[in-house]
PDB file of N, CA and C in Angstrom:
ATOM      1  N   MET A   1      -5.661 -14.697  16.464  1.00  0.00           N
ATOM      2  CA  MET A   1      -5.695 -13.699  16.985  1.00  0.00           C
ATOM      3  C   MET A   1      -6.548 -14.071  17.819  1.00  0.00           C
ATOM      4  N   ARG A   2      -7.046 -13.973  19.272  1.00  0.00           N
ATOM      5  CA  ARG A   2      -8.585 -14.099  19.854  1.00  0.00           C
ATOM      6  C   ARG A   2      -9.521 -12.442  19.824  1.00  0.00           C
ATOM      7  N   LYS A   3     -10.760 -12.752  19.845  1.00  0.00           N
ATOM      8  CA  LYS A   3     -11.175 -11.361  19.882  1.00  0.00           C
ATOM      9  C   LYS A   3     -11.105 -10.327  20.835  1.00  0.00           C
ATOM     10  N   LYS A   4     -10.809 -11.270  22.346  1.00  0.00           N
ATOM     11  CA  LYS A   4     -10.432  -9.895  23.251  1.00  0.00           C
ATOM     12  C   LYS A   4      -9.088  -9.458  23.134  1.00  0.00           C
ATOM     13  N   ASP A   5      -7.977 -10.126  22.328  1.00  0.00           N
ATOM     14  CA  ASP A   5      -6.676  -9.459  21.870  1.00  0.00           C
ATOM     15  C   ASP A   5      -6.766  -8.271  20.887  1.00  0.00           C
ATOM     16  N   LEU A   6      -8.053  -8.663  19.716  1.00  0.00           N
ATOM     17  CA  LEU A   6      -8.549  -7.663  19.198  1.00  0.00           C
ATOM     18  C   LEU A   6      -8.865  -5.905  19.340  1.00  0.00           C
ATOM     19  N   ILE A   7      -9.799  -6.599  20.548  1.00  0.00           N
ATOM     20  CA  ILE A   7     -10.192  -5.079  21.190  1.00  0.00           C
ATOM     21  C   ILE A   7      -9.642  -4.480  22.283  1.00  0.00           C
ATOM     22  N   GLN A   8      -8.741  -5.448  22.735  1.00  0.00           N
ATOM     23  CA  GLN A   8      -7.531  -4.477  23.339  1.00  0.00           C
ATOM     24  C   GLN A   8      -6.656  -3.682  22.881  1.00  0.00           C
ATOM     25  N   LEU A   9      -6.295  -4.494  21.343  1.00  0.00           N
ATOM     26  CA  LEU A   9      -5.512  -3.399  20.283  1.00  0.00           C
ATOM     27  C   LEU A   9      -6.639  -2.032  19.736  1.00  0.00           C
ATOM     28  N   ILE A  10      -7.729  -2.671  19.365  1.00  0.00           N
ATOM     29  CA  ILE A  10      -8.301  -1.273  19.203  1.00  0.00           C
ATOM     30  C   ILE A  10      -8.685  -0.202  19.955  1.00  0.00           C
ATOM     31  N   GLU A  11      -8.779  -0.605  21.537  1.00  0.00           N
ATOM     32  CA  GLU A  11      -8.870   0.742  22.794  1.00  0.00           C
ATOM     33  C   GLU A  11      -7.508   1.448  22.553  1.00  0.00           C
ATOM     34  N   GLU A  12      -6.357   0.704  22.206  1.00  0.00           N
ATOM     35  CA  GLU A  12      -5.077   1.269  22.274  1.00  0.00           C
ATOM     36  C   GLU A  12      -4.999   2.396  21.269  1.00  0.00           C
ATOM     37  N   ILE A  13      -5.699   1.962  20.502  1.00  0.00           N
ATOM     38  CA  ILE A  13      -5.214   2.758  19.145  1.00  0.00           C
ATOM     39  C   ILE A  13      -6.147   4.047  19.215  1.00  0.00           C
ATOM     40  N   ASP A  14      -5.276   5.655  18.825  1.00  0.00           N
ATOM     41  CA  ASP A  14      -5.891   6.900  19.055  1.00  0.00           C
ATOM     42  C   ASP A  14      -7.013   6.869  18.076  1.00  0.00           C
ATOM     43  N   PRO A  15      -7.862   7.470  18.061  1.00  0.00           N
ATOM     44  CA  PRO A  15      -9.196   7.840  17.685  1.00  0.00           C
ATOM     45  C   PRO A  15      -8.887   8.152  15.933  1.00  0.00           C
ATOM     46  N   ALA A  16      -8.156   9.248  16.298  1.00  0.00           N
ATOM     47  CA  ALA A  16      -7.807   9.355  14.773  1.00  0.00           C
ATOM     48  C   ALA A  16      -7.009   8.594  13.563  1.00  0.00           C
ATOM     49  N   ASP A  17      -6.410   7.875  14.729  1.00  0.00           N
ATOM     50  CA  ASP A  17      -5.834   6.425  13.652  1.00  0.00           C
ATOM     51  C   ASP A  17      -6.554   5.230  13.503  1.00  0.00           C
ATOM     52  N   LEU A  18      -7.607   5.118  14.377  1.00  0.00           N
ATOM     53  CA  LEU A  18      -8.785   3.982  14.145  1.00  0.00           C
ATOM     54  C   LEU A  18      -9.607   4.706  13.076  1.00  0.00           C
ATOM     55  N   GLU A  19      -9.947   5.689  12.445  1.00  0.00           N
ATOM     56  CA  GLU A  19     -10.676   6.411  11.761  1.00  0.00           C
ATOM     57  C   GLU A  19     -10.150   6.124  10.036  1.00  0.00           C
ATOM     58  N   ALA A  20      -8.712   6.494   9.987  1.00  0.00           N
ATOM     59  CA  ALA A  20      -7.982   6.523   8.994  1.00  0.00           C
ATOM     60  C   ALA A  20      -7.660   5.301   8.504  1.00  0.00           C
ATOM     61  N   ALA A  21      -7.741   3.946   9.751  1.00  0.00           N
ATOM     62  CA  ALA A  21      -7.239   3.039   9.682  1.00  0.00           C
ATOM     63  C   ALA A  21      -8.880   2.486   8.786  1.00  0.00           C
ATOM     64  N   TYR A  22      -9.954   2.918   9.107  1.00  0.00           N
ATOM     65  CA  TYR A  22     -11.192   2.392   8.345  1.00  0.00           C
ATOM     66  C   TYR A  22     -11.459   2.761   7.505  1.00  0.00           C
ATOM     67  N   TRP A  23     -10.635   3.678   6.991  1.00  0.00           N
ATOM     68  CA  TRP A  23     -11.163   4.266   5.577  1.00  0.00           C
ATOM     69  C   TRP A  23     -10.231   3.822   4.700  1.00  0.00           C
ATOM     70  N   ALA A  24      -9.247   3.642   4.959  1.00  0.00           N
ATOM     71  CA  ALA A  24      -7.792   2.580   4.199  1.00  0.00           C
ATOM     72  C   ALA A  24      -8.402   1.153   3.310  1.00  0.00           C
ATOM     73  N   VAL A  25      -9.052   0.665   5.067  1.00  0.00           N
ATOM     74  CA  VAL A  25      -9.775  -0.589   4.623  1.00  0.00           C
ATOM     75  C   VAL A  25     -10.819  -0.606   3.917  1.00  0.00           C
ATOM     76  N   LYS A  26     -11.749   0.393   4.173  1.00  0.00           N
ATOM     77  CA  LYS A  26     -13.050   0.571   3.351  1.00  0.00           C
ATOM     78  C   LYS A  26     -12.084   0.857   1.807  1.00  0.00           C
ATOM     79  N   ARG A  27     -11.342   1.442   1.580  1.00  0.00           N
ATOM     80  CA  ARG A  27     -10.807   1.668   0.264  1.00  0.00           C
ATOM     81  C   ARG A  27     -10.524  -0.025  -0.515  1.00  0.00           C
ATOM     82  N   ILE A  28      -9.742  -0.515   0.273  1.00  0.00           N
ATOM     83  CA  ILE A  28      -9.294  -1.492  -0.046  1.00  0.00           C
ATOM     84  C   ILE A  28     -10.767  -2.621  -0.259  1.00  0.00           C
ATOM     85  N   ALA A  29     -11.466  -2.529   0.580  1.00  0.00           N
ATOM     86  CA  ALA A  29     -12.951  -3.498   0.277  1.00  0.00           C
ATOM     87  C   ALA A  29     -13.575  -2.952  -1.106  1.00  0.00           C
ATOM     88  N   ASP A  30     -13.382  -1.945  -1.490  1.00  0.00           N
ATOM     89  CA  ASP A  30     -14.554  -0.751  -2.888  1.00  0.00           C
ATOM     90  C   ASP A  30     -13.348  -0.940  -3.508  1.00  0.00           C
ATOM     91  N   HIS A  31     -12.129  -1.333  -3.924  1.00  0.00           N
ATOM     92  CA  HIS A  31     -11.469  -0.922  -4.750  1.00  0.00           C
ATOM     93  C   HIS A  31     -10.354  -2.209  -5.092  1.00  0.00           C
ATOM     94  N   GLN A  32     -10.407  -3.374  -5.035  1.00  0.00           N
ATOM     95  CA  GLN A  32      -9.650  -4.761  -5.375  1.00  0.00           C
ATOM     96  C   GLN A  32      -8.687  -4.729  -6.201  1.00  0.00           C
ATOM     97  N   ASP A  33      -8.889  -3.959  -6.946  1.00  0.00           N
ATOM     98  CA  ASP A  33      -8.118  -3.990  -7.939  1.00  0.00           C
ATOM     99  C   ASP A  33      -6.715  -2.703  -7.742  1.00  0.00           C
ATOM    100  N   GLN A  34      -7.296  -2.407  -6.813  1.00  0.00           N
ATOM    101  CA  GLN A  34      -6.076  -1.453  -6.509  1.00  0.00           C
ATOM    102  C   GLN A  34      -5.384  -1.901  -4.774  1.00  0.00           C
ATOM    103  N   ALA A  35      -5.883  -3.179  -4.329  1.00  0.00           N
ATOM    104  CA  ALA A  35      -5.502  -3.365  -3.472  1.00  0.00           C
ATOM    105  C   ALA A  35      -3.841  -3.438  -3.349  1.00  0.00           C
ATOM    106  N   TRP A  36      -2.913  -3.790  -3.687  1.00  0.00           N
ATOM    107  CA  TRP A  36      -1.735  -3.968  -4.128  1.00  0.00           C
ATOM    108  C   TRP A  36      -1.500  -2.630  -3.060  1.00  0.00           C
ATOM    109  N   TYR A  37      -1.678  -1.400  -3.556  1.00  0.00           N
ATOM    110  CA  TYR A  37      -1.188  -0.428  -2.860  1.00  0.00           C
ATOM    111  C   TYR A  37      -0.919  -0.187  -1.307  1.00  0.00           C
ATOM    112  N   TRP A  38      -1.747  -1.270  -0.614  1.00  0.00           N
ATOM    113  CA  TRP A  38      -2.090  -1.116   0.507  1.00  0.00           C
ATOM    114  C   TRP A  38      -0.957  -2.105   1.113  1.00  0.00           C
ATOM    115  N   THR A  39      -0.320  -3.053   0.428  1.00  0.00           N
ATOM    116  CA  THR A  39       0.687  -3.827   1.125  1.00  0.00           C
ATOM    117  C   THR A  39       1.608  -3.340   1.808  1.00  0.00           C
ATOM    118  N   ALA A  40       2.496  -4.243   2.664  1.00  0.00           N
ATOM    119  CA  ALA A  40       3.545  -3.619   3.309  1.00  0.00           C
ATOM    120  C   ALA A  40       4.603  -3.418   2.740  1.00  0.00           C
ATOM    121  N   SER A  41       4.856  -4.111   1.523  1.00  0.00           N
ATOM    122  CA  SER A  41       5.884  -3.714   0.536  1.00  0.00           C
ATOM    123  C   SER A  41       6.050  -2.348  -0.305  1.00  0.00           C
ATOM    124  N   TRP A  42       4.628  -2.222  -0.896  1.00  0.00           N
ATOM    125  CA  TRP A  42       4.478  -1.135  -1.293  1.00  0.00           C
ATOM    126  C   TRP A  42       4.368   0.240  -0.333  1.00  0.00           C
ATOM    127  N   GLN A  43       3.808  -0.277   0.639  1.00  0.00           N
ATOM    128  CA  GLN A  43       3.902   1.066   1.667  1.00  0.00           C
ATOM    129  C   GLN A  43       5.501   1.351   1.932  1.00  0.00           C
ATOM    130  N   GLN A  44       6.489   0.435   2.056  1.00  0.00           N
ATOM    131  CA  GLN A  44       7.833   0.766   2.430  1.00  0.00           C
ATOM    132  C   GLN A  44       8.307   1.537   1.566  1.00  0.00           C
ATOM    133  N   ALA A  45       7.846   1.422   0.166  1.00  0.00           N
ATOM    134  CA  ALA A  45       8.300   2.018  -0.661  1.00  0.00           C
ATOM    135  C   ALA A  45       7.990   3.068  -0.754  1.00  0.00           C
ATOM    136  N   GLU A  46       6.710   3.390  -0.606  1.00  0.00           N
ATOM    137  CA  GLU A  46       6.386   4.791  -0.423  1.00  0.00           C
ATOM    138  C   GLU A  46       6.888   5.958   0.115  1.00  0.00           C
ATOM    139  N   ARG A  47       7.389   5.076   1.667  1.00  0.00           N
ATOM    140  CA  ARG A  47       8.123   5.406   2.409  1.00  0.00           C
ATOM    141  C   ARG A  47       9.319   6.119   2.220  1.00  0.00           C
ATOM    142  N   GLU A  48      10.134   5.013   1.427  1.00  0.00           N
ATOM    143  CA  GLU A  48      11.578   5.250   1.005  1.00  0.00           C
ATOM    144  C   GLU A  48      11.708   6.661   0.198  1.00  0.00           C
ATOM    145  N   VAL A  49      10.725   6.448  -0.589  1.00  0.00           N
ATOM    146  CA  VAL A  49      10.560   7.811  -1.587  1.00  0.00           C
ATOM    147  C   VAL A  49      10.225   8.973  -1.181  1.00  0.00           C
ATOM    148  N   ASP A  50       9.231   8.960  -0.238  1.00  0.00           N
ATOM    149  CA  ASP A  50       9.103  10.081   0.803  1.00  0.00           C
ATOM    150  C   ASP A  50      10.201  10.522   1.057  1.00  0.00           C
ATOM    151  N   ALA A  51      11.458   9.479   2.275  1.00  0.00           N
ATOM    152  CA  ALA A  51      12.487  10.193   2.712  1.00  0.00           C
ATOM    153  C   ALA A  51      13.476  10.967   1.416  1.00  0.00           C
ATOM    154  N   LEU A  52      13.324  10.291   0.777  1.00  0.00           N
ATOM    155  CA  LEU A  52      14.632  10.986  -0.574  1.00  0.00           C
ATOM    156  C   LEU A  52      13.974  11.908  -0.817  1.00  0.00           C
ATOM    157  N   LYS A  53      12.758  12.238  -0.852  1.00  0.00           N
ATOM    158  CA  LYS A  53      11.931  13.569  -1.250  1.00  0.00           C
ATOM    159  C   LYS A  53      12.750  14.578  -0.523  1.00  0.00           C
ATOM    160  N   GLU A  54      12.306  14.348   0.709  1.00  0.00           N
ATOM    161  CA  GLU A  54      12.746  15.206   2.153  1.00  0.00           C
ATOM    162  C   GLU A  54      14.042  15.597   2.296  1.00  0.00           C
ATOM    163  N   SER A  55      14.841  14.580   1.768  1.00  0.00           N
ATOM    164  CA  SER A  55      16.345  14.891   1.766  1.00  0.00           C
ATOM    165  C   SER A  55      17.059  15.571   0.689  1.00  0.00           C
ATOM    166  N   GLY A  56      16.039  15.916  -0.364  1.00  0.00           N
ATOM    167  CA  GLY A  56      16.899  16.785  -1.500  1.00  0.00           C
ATOM    168  C   GLY A  56      17.722  15.475  -2.072  1.00  0.00           C
ATOM    169  N   GLN A  57      17.922  14.453  -2.012  1.00  0.00           N
ATOM    170  CA  GLN A  57      18.316  13.659  -2.836  1.00  0.00           C
ATOM    171  C   GLN A  57      17.552  13.269  -4.585  1.00  0.00           C
ATOM    172  N   PRO A  58      18.359  13.160  -5.489  1.00  0.00           N
ATOM    173  CA  PRO A  58      17.521  12.910  -6.614  1.00  0.00           C
ATOM    174  C   PRO A  58      16.665  12.088  -6.621  1.00  0.00           C
ATOM    175  N   ILE A  59      15.349  11.443  -7.386  1.00  0.00           N
ATOM    176  CA  ILE A  59      15.041   9.977  -7.001  1.00  0.00           C
ATOM    177  C   ILE A  59      14.793   9.453  -8.645  1.00  0.00           C
ATOM    178  N   GLU A  60      15.533   8.143  -8.729  1.00  0.00           N
ATOM    179  CA  GLU A  60      15.431   7.572  -9.805  1.00  0.00           C
ATOM    180  C   GLU A  60      14.149   7.472 -11.131  1.00  0.00           C
ATOM    181  N   SER A  61      14.379   7.803 -11.953  1.00  0.00           N
ATOM    182  CA  SER A  61      12.557   7.835 -13.125  1.00  0.00           C
ATOM    183  C   SER A  61      12.964   6.551 -14.034  1.00  0.00           C
ATOM    184  N   MET A  62      11.869   6.136 -14.390  1.00  0.00           N
ATOM    185  CA  MET A  62      11.650   5.295 -15.777  1.00  0.00           C
ATOM    186  C   MET A  62      11.060   6.033 -17.006  1.00  0.00           C
ATOM    187  N   ASP A  63      11.220   5.591 -18.127  1.00  0.00           N
ATOM    188  CA  ASP A  63      10.310   5.889 -19.185  1.00  0.00           C
ATOM    189  C   ASP A  63       8.694   5.030 -19.135  1.00  0.00           C
ATOM    190  N   ALA A  64       8.013   5.348 -19.489  1.00  0.00           N
ATOM    191  CA  ALA A  64       6.282   4.401 -19.697  1.00  0.00           C
ATOM    192  C   ALA A  64       6.667   3.166 -20.076  1.00  0.00           C
ATOM    193  N   LYS A  65       7.889   2.970 -20.974  1.00  0.00           N
ATOM    194  CA  LYS A  65       7.729   1.385 -21.405  1.00  0.00           C
ATOM    195  C   LYS A  65       8.069   0.663 -20.339  1.00  0.00           C
ATOM    196  N   GLU A  66       9.137   1.024 -19.379  1.00  0.00           N
ATOM    197  CA  GLU A  66       9.807   0.472 -18.290  1.00  0.00           C
ATOM    198  C   GLU A  66       8.770  -0.127 -17.495  1.00  0.00           C
ATOM    199  N   ALA A  67       7.839   0.995 -17.399  1.00  0.00           N
ATOM    200  CA  ALA A  67       7.048   1.262 -15.991  1.00  0.00           C
ATOM    201  C   ALA A  67       5.871   0.414 -16.180  1.00  0.00           C
ATOM    202  N   LEU A  68       5.585   0.106 -17.692  1.00  0.00           N
ATOM    203  CA  LEU A  68       4.467  -1.066 -18.122  1.00  0.00           C
ATOM    204  C   LEU A  68       5.023  -2.383 -17.954  1.00  0.00           C
ATOM    205  N   ALA A  69       6.250  -2.294 -18.190  1.00  0.00           N
ATOM    206  CA  ALA A  69       6.969  -3.950 -18.058  1.00  0.00           C
ATOM    207  C   ALA A  69       6.719  -4.746 -16.998  1.00  0.00           C
ATOM    208  N   ILE A  70       7.234  -3.440 -16.172  1.00  0.00           N
ATOM    209  CA  ILE A  70       7.173  -3.872 -14.677  1.00  0.00           C
ATOM    210  C   ILE A  70       5.721  -4.454 -13.966  1.00  0.00           C
ATOM    211  N   LEU A  71       4.759  -3.658 -14.180  1.00  0.00           N
ATOM    212  CA  LEU A  71       3.758  -3.786 -14.017  1.00  0.00           C
ATOM    213  C   LEU A  71       2.860  -5.175 -14.569  1.00  0.00           C
ATOM    214  N   ASP A  72       3.464  -5.324 -15.890  1.00  0.00           N
ATOM    215  CA  ASP A  72       3.100  -6.833 -17.072  1.00  0.00           C
ATOM    216  C   ASP A  72       3.885  -8.046 -16.074  1.00  0.00           C
ATOM    217  N   ARG A  73       4.383  -7.639 -15.454  1.00  0.00           N
ATOM    218  CA  ARG A  73       5.389  -8.652 -14.771  1.00  0.00           C
ATOM    219  C   ARG A  73       4.452  -9.139 -13.366  1.00  0.00           C
ATOM    220  N   ILE A  74       4.111  -8.046 -12.736  1.00  0.00           N
ATOM    221  CA  ILE A  74       3.811  -8.231 -11.508  1.00  0.00           C
ATOM    222  C   ILE A  74       2.348  -8.905 -11.508  1.00  0.00           C
ATOM    223  N   ILE A  75       1.348  -8.275 -12.676  1.00  0.00           N
ATOM    224  CA  ILE A  75       0.115  -9.027 -13.136  1.00  0.00           C
ATOM    225  C   ILE A  75       0.684 -10.475 -13.344  1.00  0.00           C
ATOM    226  N   GLU A  76       1.608 -10.347 -13.825  1.00  0.00           N
ATOM    227  CA  GLU A  76       1.830 -12.271 -14.295  1.00  0.00           C
ATOM    228  C   GLU A  76       2.185 -13.156 -13.129  1.00  0.00           C
ATOM    229  N   GLN A  77       2.994 -12.318 -12.115  1.00  0.00           N
ATOM    230  CA  GLN A  77       3.355 -13.245 -10.955  1.00  0.00           C
ATOM    231  C   GLN A  77       2.475 -13.298  -9.785  1.00  0.00           C
ATOM    232  N   SER A  78       0.907 -12.383  -9.998  1.00  0.00           N
ATOM    233  CA  SER A  78       0.286 -12.648  -9.411  1.00  0.00           C
ATOM    234  C   SER A  78      -0.868 -13.200  -9.567  1.00  0.00           C
ATOM    235  N   GLY A  79      -1.159 -14.061 -10.945  1.00  0.00           N
ATOM    236  CA  GLY A  79      -1.835 -15.095 -11.371  1.00  0.00           C
ATOM    237  C   GLY A  79      -3.025 -14.127 -12.110  1.00  0.00           C
ATOM    238  N   GLN A  80      -3.142 -12.738 -11.623  1.00  0.00           N
ATOM    239  CA  GLN A  80      -4.496 -12.076 -12.247  1.00  0.00           C
ATOM    240  C   GLN A  80      -4.150 -12.108 -13.542  1.00  0.00           C
ATOM    241  N   LYS A  81      -5.132 -11.605 -14.617  1.00  0.00           N
ATOM    242  CA  LYS A  81      -5.215 -11.629 -15.818  1.00  0.00           C
ATOM    243  C   LYS A  81      -5.541 -10.155 -16.270  1.00  0.00           C
ATOM    244  N   ASP A  82      -4.934  -9.330 -17.192  1.00  0.00           N
ATOM    245  CA  ASP A  82      -5.262  -8.141 -17.263  1.00  0.00           C
ATOM    246  C   ASP A  82      -6.564  -7.955 -18.054  1.00  0.00           C
ATOM    247  N   SER A  83      -7.275  -6.712 -17.702  1.00  0.00           N
ATOM    248  CA  SER A  83      -8.932  -6.642 -18.370  1.00  0.00           C
ATOM    249  C   SER A  83      -8.862  -5.833 -18.999  1.00  0.00           C
TER     250      SER A  83
END
């Protein structure tokens, strides 16, 4: 993307959206260990859960052991070490 294209995109953004985007990027920069939350796939899953909640459909849950196993797999796949 060229600088000119980026400037044009920024000019088309509603100022409130631009401020929200700024704070989201700042949080990612300040908390790299939580950058996963802002990935497209994670945000899509968040929207899906929100839609389920709004529709009144039951949300499938898991126990802590299952959740930790999933997080361990994600960490392993990302190549990061557990600290």
